[in-house]
Amino acid sequence: MGMKDSNLDGKNDDMCEVFDAHEDAVNRVKERMPSEEEYLNLSEFFKIFSNPTRLKIISLLTVDDLCVCDICEALDLNQTTVSNQLRILRANNIVKYQKEGKMARYSLTDLHIEMIYKVGLEHILE
């Protein structure tokens, strides 16, 4: 156990010394817990945000809708790499595209995605 995990006096602050659960509090939180399937879906959703290239694409799309060429240029990546990541983002309902002639312009599916990205970034910058 590292210094982060315990006090200097050797006591572990995250241990309950009462040894008796607060039944009313436990029942309240259990009533609000998502189902096991919902936890699994949420876990899969957050995995999408675990790839730096996908995060970079999301960050660009928080500013403006862009075509693949724009994204490639902004990130200095090849089209295959960007297209593969966009495919994953599309399949997971993170981005959508609209055809404009031969061009597809990508955008975030909704404000929730932008909020998740911005709150995550804000958290790590604290």
N, C-alpha and C. Protein backbone atom coordinates (compact mmCIF):
# COMPACT_ATOMS: atom_id res chain seq x y z
N MET A 1 0.84 -1.16 0.00
CA MET A 1 0.00 0.00 0.00
C MET A 1 0.89 1.24 0.00
N GLY A 2 0.64 2.17 -0.94
CA GLY A 2 1.44 3.38 -1.06
C GLY A 2 0.95 4.46 -0.12
N MET A 3 1.71 5.55 -0.08
CA MET A 3 1.36 6.68 0.78
C MET A 3 0.00 7.27 0.43
N LYS A 4 -0.39 7.20 -0.83
CA LYS A 4 -1.68 7.73 -1.23
C LYS A 4 -2.83 6.98 -0.56
N ASP A 5 -2.59 5.71 -0.23
CA ASP A 5 -3.65 4.85 0.27
C ASP A 5 -3.81 4.88 1.77
N SER A 6 -2.90 5.49 2.50
CA SER A 6 -3.02 5.47 3.96
C SER A 6 -2.45 6.76 4.54
N ASN A 7 -2.81 6.99 5.79
CA ASN A 7 -2.26 8.13 6.51
C ASN A 7 -0.86 7.79 6.98
N LEU A 8 -0.13 8.80 7.42
CA LEU A 8 1.22 8.59 7.93
C LEU A 8 1.21 7.78 9.22
N ASP A 9 0.11 7.86 9.97
CA ASP A 9 0.04 7.12 11.23
C ASP A 9 -0.37 5.66 11.05
N GLY A 10 -0.51 5.24 9.82
CA GLY A 10 -0.81 3.84 9.53
C GLY A 10 -2.29 3.51 9.47
N LYS A 11 -3.16 4.46 9.79
CA LYS A 11 -4.60 4.21 9.73
C LYS A 11 -5.07 4.31 8.29
N ASN A 12 -6.02 3.50 7.95
CA ASN A 12 -6.59 3.49 6.62
C ASN A 12 -7.94 4.20 6.68
N ASP A 13 -8.02 5.42 6.12
CA ASP A 13 -9.22 6.25 6.21
C ASP A 13 -10.43 5.68 5.47
N ASP A 14 -10.23 4.81 4.51
CA ASP A 14 -11.37 4.32 3.75
C ASP A 14 -11.99 3.06 4.37
N MET A 15 -11.56 2.67 5.52
CA MET A 15 -12.13 1.52 6.21
C MET A 15 -13.19 1.98 7.19
N CYS A 16 -14.31 1.26 7.22
CA CYS A 16 -15.39 1.57 8.17
C CYS A 16 -15.07 0.89 9.49
N GLU A 17 -15.08 1.67 10.54
CA GLU A 17 -14.76 1.12 11.86
C GLU A 17 -16.01 0.79 12.67
N VAL A 18 -17.18 1.04 12.09
CA VAL A 18 -18.44 0.79 12.79
C VAL A 18 -18.86 -0.67 12.64
N PHE A 19 -18.58 -1.29 11.50
CA PHE A 19 -18.91 -2.68 11.22
C PHE A 19 -20.41 -2.96 11.21
N ASP A 20 -21.20 -1.94 10.93
CA ASP A 20 -22.64 -2.11 10.88
C ASP A 20 -23.16 -1.21 9.76
N ALA A 21 -23.70 -1.83 8.71
CA ALA A 21 -24.19 -1.05 7.57
C ALA A 21 -25.42 -0.23 7.97
N HIS A 22 -25.57 0.90 7.33
CA HIS A 22 -26.74 1.75 7.54
C HIS A 22 -27.80 1.30 6.55
N GLU A 23 -28.69 0.46 7.03
CA GLU A 23 -29.66 -0.21 6.17
C GLU A 23 -30.49 0.75 5.32
N ASP A 24 -30.93 1.87 5.89
CA ASP A 24 -31.74 2.81 5.13
C ASP A 24 -30.94 3.42 3.97
N ALA A 25 -29.69 3.76 4.22
CA ALA A 25 -28.84 4.32 3.16
C ALA A 25 -28.57 3.26 2.09
N VAL A 26 -28.28 2.04 2.51
CA VAL A 26 -28.01 0.96 1.57
C VAL A 26 -29.23 0.71 0.69
N ASN A 27 -30.41 0.67 1.29
CA ASN A 27 -31.64 0.45 0.51
C ASN A 27 -31.88 1.58 -0.48
N ARG A 28 -31.64 2.83 -0.06
CA ARG A 28 -31.82 3.99 -0.94
C ARG A 28 -30.92 3.91 -2.18
N VAL A 29 -29.67 3.57 -1.95
CA VAL A 29 -28.75 3.53 -3.09
C VAL A 29 -29.02 2.31 -3.98
N LYS A 30 -29.39 1.20 -3.37
CA LYS A 30 -29.68 0.00 -4.16
C LYS A 30 -30.89 0.19 -5.06
N GLU A 31 -31.88 0.95 -4.58
CA GLU A 31 -33.07 1.22 -5.40
C GLU A 31 -32.73 2.01 -6.65
N ARG A 32 -31.69 2.80 -6.59
CA ARG A 32 -31.32 3.66 -7.71
C ARG A 32 -30.23 3.07 -8.60
N MET A 33 -29.74 1.90 -8.26
CA MET A 33 -28.68 1.27 -9.05
C MET A 33 -29.23 0.81 -10.40
N PRO A 34 -28.48 1.08 -11.47
CA PRO A 34 -28.86 0.54 -12.78
C PRO A 34 -28.79 -0.99 -12.76
N SER A 35 -29.41 -1.59 -13.76
CA SER A 35 -29.37 -3.04 -13.88
C SER A 35 -27.97 -3.48 -14.31
N GLU A 36 -27.70 -4.75 -14.18
CA GLU A 36 -26.40 -5.31 -14.59
C GLU A 36 -26.16 -5.05 -16.08
N GLU A 37 -27.19 -5.20 -16.89
CA GLU A 37 -27.07 -4.94 -18.33
C GLU A 37 -26.74 -3.47 -18.60
N GLU A 38 -27.36 -2.58 -17.84
CA GLU A 38 -27.08 -1.15 -18.00
C GLU A 38 -25.63 -0.83 -17.61
N TYR A 39 -25.13 -1.46 -16.56
CA TYR A 39 -23.72 -1.27 -16.19
C TYR A 39 -22.80 -1.76 -17.30
N LEU A 40 -23.12 -2.90 -17.88
CA LEU A 40 -22.30 -3.43 -18.98
C LEU A 40 -22.32 -2.49 -20.18
N ASN A 41 -23.51 -1.98 -20.52
CA ASN A 41 -23.62 -1.05 -21.64
C ASN A 41 -22.85 0.24 -21.37
N LEU A 42 -22.93 0.73 -20.15
CA LEU A 42 -22.21 1.94 -19.78
C LEU A 42 -20.70 1.72 -19.84
N SER A 43 -20.26 0.57 -19.40
CA SER A 43 -18.85 0.22 -19.45
C SER A 43 -18.35 0.21 -20.90
N GLU A 44 -19.14 -0.41 -21.78
CA GLU A 44 -18.78 -0.43 -23.21
C GLU A 44 -18.76 0.98 -23.79
N PHE A 45 -19.71 1.81 -23.38
CA PHE A 45 -19.77 3.19 -23.84
C PHE A 45 -18.50 3.94 -23.46
N PHE A 46 -18.07 3.80 -22.21
CA PHE A 46 -16.88 4.52 -21.77
C PHE A 46 -15.61 4.00 -22.42
N LYS A 47 -15.59 2.75 -22.85
CA LYS A 47 -14.42 2.22 -23.55
C LYS A 47 -14.15 3.00 -24.84
N ILE A 48 -15.19 3.53 -25.45
CA ILE A 48 -15.04 4.30 -26.68
C ILE A 48 -14.14 5.50 -26.44
N PHE A 49 -14.19 6.06 -25.24
CA PHE A 49 -13.42 7.25 -24.90
C PHE A 49 -11.99 6.91 -24.47
N SER A 50 -11.61 5.64 -24.53
CA SER A 50 -10.29 5.23 -24.05
C SER A 50 -9.21 5.29 -25.13
N ASN A 51 -9.55 5.71 -26.33
CA ASN A 51 -8.59 5.77 -27.42
C ASN A 51 -8.24 7.23 -27.72
N PRO A 52 -6.96 7.61 -27.64
CA PRO A 52 -6.58 9.01 -27.88
C PRO A 52 -6.99 9.56 -29.25
N THR A 53 -6.92 8.76 -30.29
CA THR A 53 -7.32 9.25 -31.62
C THR A 53 -8.81 9.54 -31.66
N ARG A 54 -9.61 8.66 -31.07
CA ARG A 54 -11.05 8.93 -31.03
C ARG A 54 -11.35 10.18 -30.21
N LEU A 55 -10.63 10.37 -29.11
CA LEU A 55 -10.81 11.58 -28.31
C LEU A 55 -10.44 12.84 -29.10
N LYS A 56 -9.39 12.75 -29.88
CA LYS A 56 -8.98 13.89 -30.71
C LYS A 56 -10.08 14.22 -31.73
N ILE A 57 -10.64 13.20 -32.34
CA ILE A 57 -11.72 13.41 -33.31
C ILE A 57 -12.91 14.06 -32.62
N ILE A 58 -13.28 13.53 -31.47
CA ILE A 58 -14.40 14.10 -30.71
C ILE A 58 -14.11 15.56 -30.37
N SER A 59 -12.88 15.84 -29.95
CA SER A 59 -12.55 17.22 -29.58
C SER A 59 -12.70 18.16 -30.77
N LEU A 60 -12.30 17.74 -31.96
CA LEU A 60 -12.48 18.57 -33.16
C LEU A 60 -13.95 18.81 -33.43
N LEU A 61 -14.75 17.75 -33.26
CA LEU A 61 -16.17 17.85 -33.59
C LEU A 61 -16.96 18.63 -32.53
N THR A 62 -16.33 18.93 -31.40
CA THR A 62 -16.99 19.83 -30.44
C THR A 62 -16.92 21.27 -30.93
N VAL A 63 -16.00 21.52 -31.86
CA VAL A 63 -15.81 22.88 -32.38
C VAL A 63 -16.60 23.10 -33.67
N ASP A 64 -16.56 22.09 -34.57
CA ASP A 64 -17.20 22.26 -35.87
C ASP A 64 -17.46 20.90 -36.50
N ASP A 65 -18.43 20.84 -37.39
CA ASP A 65 -18.66 19.64 -38.20
C ASP A 65 -17.57 19.60 -39.26
N LEU A 66 -17.02 18.41 -39.50
CA LEU A 66 -15.89 18.29 -40.42
C LEU A 66 -16.00 17.07 -41.31
N CYS A 67 -15.40 17.14 -42.48
CA CYS A 67 -15.31 15.97 -43.35
C CYS A 67 -14.04 15.21 -42.98
N VAL A 68 -13.90 14.00 -43.51
CA VAL A 68 -12.75 13.15 -43.20
C VAL A 68 -11.45 13.87 -43.55
N CYS A 69 -11.40 14.54 -44.70
CA CYS A 69 -10.18 15.24 -45.12
C CYS A 69 -9.79 16.32 -44.10
N ASP A 70 -10.78 17.05 -43.59
CA ASP A 70 -10.51 18.08 -42.59
C ASP A 70 -9.92 17.46 -41.33
N ILE A 71 -10.50 16.35 -40.90
CA ILE A 71 -10.02 15.67 -39.69
C ILE A 71 -8.60 15.17 -39.90
N CYS A 72 -8.34 14.57 -41.05
CA CYS A 72 -7.00 14.07 -41.38
C CYS A 72 -5.98 15.21 -41.33
N GLU A 73 -6.33 16.32 -41.92
CA GLU A 73 -5.43 17.48 -41.96
C GLU A 73 -5.20 18.03 -40.55
N ALA A 74 -6.25 18.19 -39.77
CA ALA A 74 -6.13 18.76 -38.44
C ALA A 74 -5.30 17.88 -37.50
N LEU A 75 -5.42 16.57 -37.67
CA LEU A 75 -4.72 15.64 -36.78
C LEU A 75 -3.44 15.08 -37.37
N ASP A 76 -3.15 15.43 -38.62
CA ASP A 76 -1.98 14.91 -39.33
C ASP A 76 -1.97 13.37 -39.32
N LEU A 77 -3.12 12.82 -39.70
CA LEU A 77 -3.29 11.36 -39.78
C LEU A 77 -3.74 10.98 -41.17
N ASN A 78 -3.51 9.72 -41.54
CA ASN A 78 -3.96 9.27 -42.86
C ASN A 78 -5.45 8.94 -42.84
N GLN A 79 -6.03 8.88 -44.01
CA GLN A 79 -7.47 8.69 -44.14
C GLN A 79 -7.93 7.33 -43.60
N THR A 80 -7.11 6.30 -43.77
CA THR A 80 -7.48 4.98 -43.28
C THR A 80 -7.65 4.99 -41.76
N THR A 81 -6.70 5.60 -41.07
CA THR A 81 -6.76 5.67 -39.61
C THR A 81 -8.00 6.43 -39.15
N VAL A 82 -8.23 7.58 -39.75
CA VAL A 82 -9.39 8.40 -39.37
C VAL A 82 -10.69 7.68 -39.69
N SER A 83 -10.77 7.10 -40.87
CA SER A 83 -11.99 6.39 -41.27
C SER A 83 -12.29 5.22 -40.35
N ASN A 84 -11.26 4.49 -39.95
CA ASN A 84 -11.47 3.36 -39.02
C ASN A 84 -12.02 3.85 -37.68
N GLN A 85 -11.48 4.95 -37.17
CA GLN A 85 -11.95 5.47 -35.90
C GLN A 85 -13.36 6.06 -36.03
N LEU A 86 -13.63 6.71 -37.13
CA LEU A 86 -14.98 7.24 -37.37
C LEU A 86 -16.00 6.11 -37.46
N ARG A 87 -15.61 5.00 -38.05
CA ARG A 87 -16.50 3.84 -38.15
C ARG A 87 -16.88 3.35 -36.75
N ILE A 88 -15.90 3.28 -35.86
CA ILE A 88 -16.16 2.85 -34.49
C ILE A 88 -17.06 3.86 -33.78
N LEU A 89 -16.77 5.13 -33.96
CA LEU A 89 -17.58 6.18 -33.32
C LEU A 89 -19.02 6.16 -33.85
N ARG A 90 -19.17 5.93 -35.15
CA ARG A 90 -20.52 5.84 -35.74
C ARG A 90 -21.27 4.64 -35.21
N ALA A 91 -20.60 3.50 -35.16
CA ALA A 91 -21.24 2.26 -34.71
C ALA A 91 -21.70 2.36 -33.26
N ASN A 92 -21.08 3.25 -32.50
CA ASN A 92 -21.43 3.41 -31.09
C ASN A 92 -22.23 4.68 -30.82
N ASN A 93 -22.78 5.24 -31.90
CA ASN A 93 -23.68 6.39 -31.80
C ASN A 93 -23.03 7.62 -31.15
N ILE A 94 -21.74 7.81 -31.42
CA ILE A 94 -21.01 8.96 -30.90
C ILE A 94 -20.99 10.07 -31.96
N VAL A 95 -20.81 9.67 -33.21
CA VAL A 95 -20.84 10.63 -34.32
C VAL A 95 -21.85 10.17 -35.35
N LYS A 96 -22.27 11.12 -36.16
CA LYS A 96 -23.15 10.84 -37.29
C LYS A 96 -22.59 11.62 -38.47
N TYR A 97 -23.06 11.31 -39.66
CA TYR A 97 -22.61 12.07 -40.82
C TYR A 97 -23.77 12.40 -41.72
N GLN A 98 -23.56 13.43 -42.48
CA GLN A 98 -24.55 13.85 -43.46
C GLN A 98 -23.83 13.99 -44.79
N LYS A 99 -24.37 13.34 -45.81
CA LYS A 99 -23.77 13.41 -47.14
C LYS A 99 -24.07 14.76 -47.76
N GLU A 100 -23.03 15.35 -48.33
CA GLU A 100 -23.17 16.58 -49.10
C GLU A 100 -22.47 16.34 -50.43
N GLY A 101 -23.22 15.82 -51.39
CA GLY A 101 -22.62 15.40 -52.65
C GLY A 101 -21.76 14.18 -52.41
N LYS A 102 -20.48 14.28 -52.78
CA LYS A 102 -19.55 13.16 -52.56
C LYS A 102 -18.88 13.23 -51.19
N MET A 103 -19.15 14.29 -50.46
CA MET A 103 -18.51 14.50 -49.17
C MET A 103 -19.46 14.13 -48.03
N ALA A 104 -18.88 13.58 -46.97
CA ALA A 104 -19.64 13.29 -45.75
C ALA A 104 -19.12 14.20 -44.66
N ARG A 105 -20.01 14.96 -44.06
CA ARG A 105 -19.65 15.88 -42.98
C ARG A 105 -20.05 15.24 -41.66
N TYR A 106 -19.07 15.09 -40.78
CA TYR A 106 -19.29 14.42 -39.49
C TYR A 106 -19.59 15.43 -38.39
N SER A 107 -20.43 14.99 -37.46
CA SER A 107 -20.77 15.79 -36.28
C SER A 107 -21.03 14.84 -35.12
N LEU A 108 -21.04 15.38 -33.92
CA LEU A 108 -21.39 14.58 -32.75
C LEU A 108 -22.88 14.31 -32.78
N THR A 109 -23.30 13.17 -32.27
CA THR A 109 -24.72 12.80 -32.34
C THR A 109 -25.59 13.71 -31.50
N ASP A 110 -25.07 14.16 -30.36
CA ASP A 110 -25.87 15.06 -29.52
C ASP A 110 -24.98 15.77 -28.51
N LEU A 111 -25.58 16.67 -27.78
CA LEU A 111 -24.86 17.48 -26.81
C LEU A 111 -24.26 16.65 -25.67
N HIS A 112 -24.85 15.49 -25.39
CA HIS A 112 -24.33 14.64 -24.30
C HIS A 112 -22.88 14.26 -24.55
N ILE A 113 -22.56 13.93 -25.78
CA ILE A 113 -21.19 13.51 -26.11
C ILE A 113 -20.22 14.65 -25.85
N GLU A 114 -20.59 15.85 -26.29
CA GLU A 114 -19.75 17.02 -26.06
C GLU A 114 -19.58 17.26 -24.56
N MET A 115 -20.65 17.13 -23.81
CA MET A 115 -20.60 17.35 -22.36
C MET A 115 -19.69 16.33 -21.68
N ILE A 116 -19.79 15.06 -22.07
CA ILE A 116 -18.95 14.01 -21.49
C ILE A 116 -17.49 14.32 -21.75
N TYR A 117 -17.17 14.69 -22.99
CA TYR A 117 -15.79 15.03 -23.35
C TYR A 117 -15.30 16.23 -22.54
N LYS A 118 -16.09 17.29 -22.50
CA LYS A 118 -15.65 18.52 -21.83
C LYS A 118 -15.54 18.35 -20.32
N VAL A 119 -16.46 17.62 -19.72
CA VAL A 119 -16.38 17.39 -18.27
C VAL A 119 -15.16 16.51 -17.95
N GLY A 120 -14.90 15.50 -18.76
CA GLY A 120 -13.72 14.66 -18.55
C GLY A 120 -12.43 15.47 -18.66
N LEU A 121 -12.36 16.32 -19.67
CA LEU A 121 -11.17 17.16 -19.85
C LEU A 121 -11.02 18.13 -18.69
N GLU A 122 -12.11 18.74 -18.28
CA GLU A 122 -12.08 19.66 -17.15
C GLU A 122 -11.60 18.96 -15.89
N HIS A 123 -12.05 17.73 -15.69
CA HIS A 123 -11.66 16.96 -14.50
C HIS A 123 -10.15 16.72 -14.47
N ILE A 124 -9.58 16.31 -15.59
CA ILE A 124 -8.14 15.99 -15.57
C ILE A 124 -7.28 17.25 -15.54
N LEU A 125 -7.85 18.40 -15.91
CA LEU A 125 -7.08 19.65 -15.89
C LEU A 125 -7.12 20.34 -14.53
N GLU A 126 -7.93 19.82 -13.60
CA GLU A 126 -8.03 20.44 -12.25
C GLU A 126 -6.72 20.34 -11.51
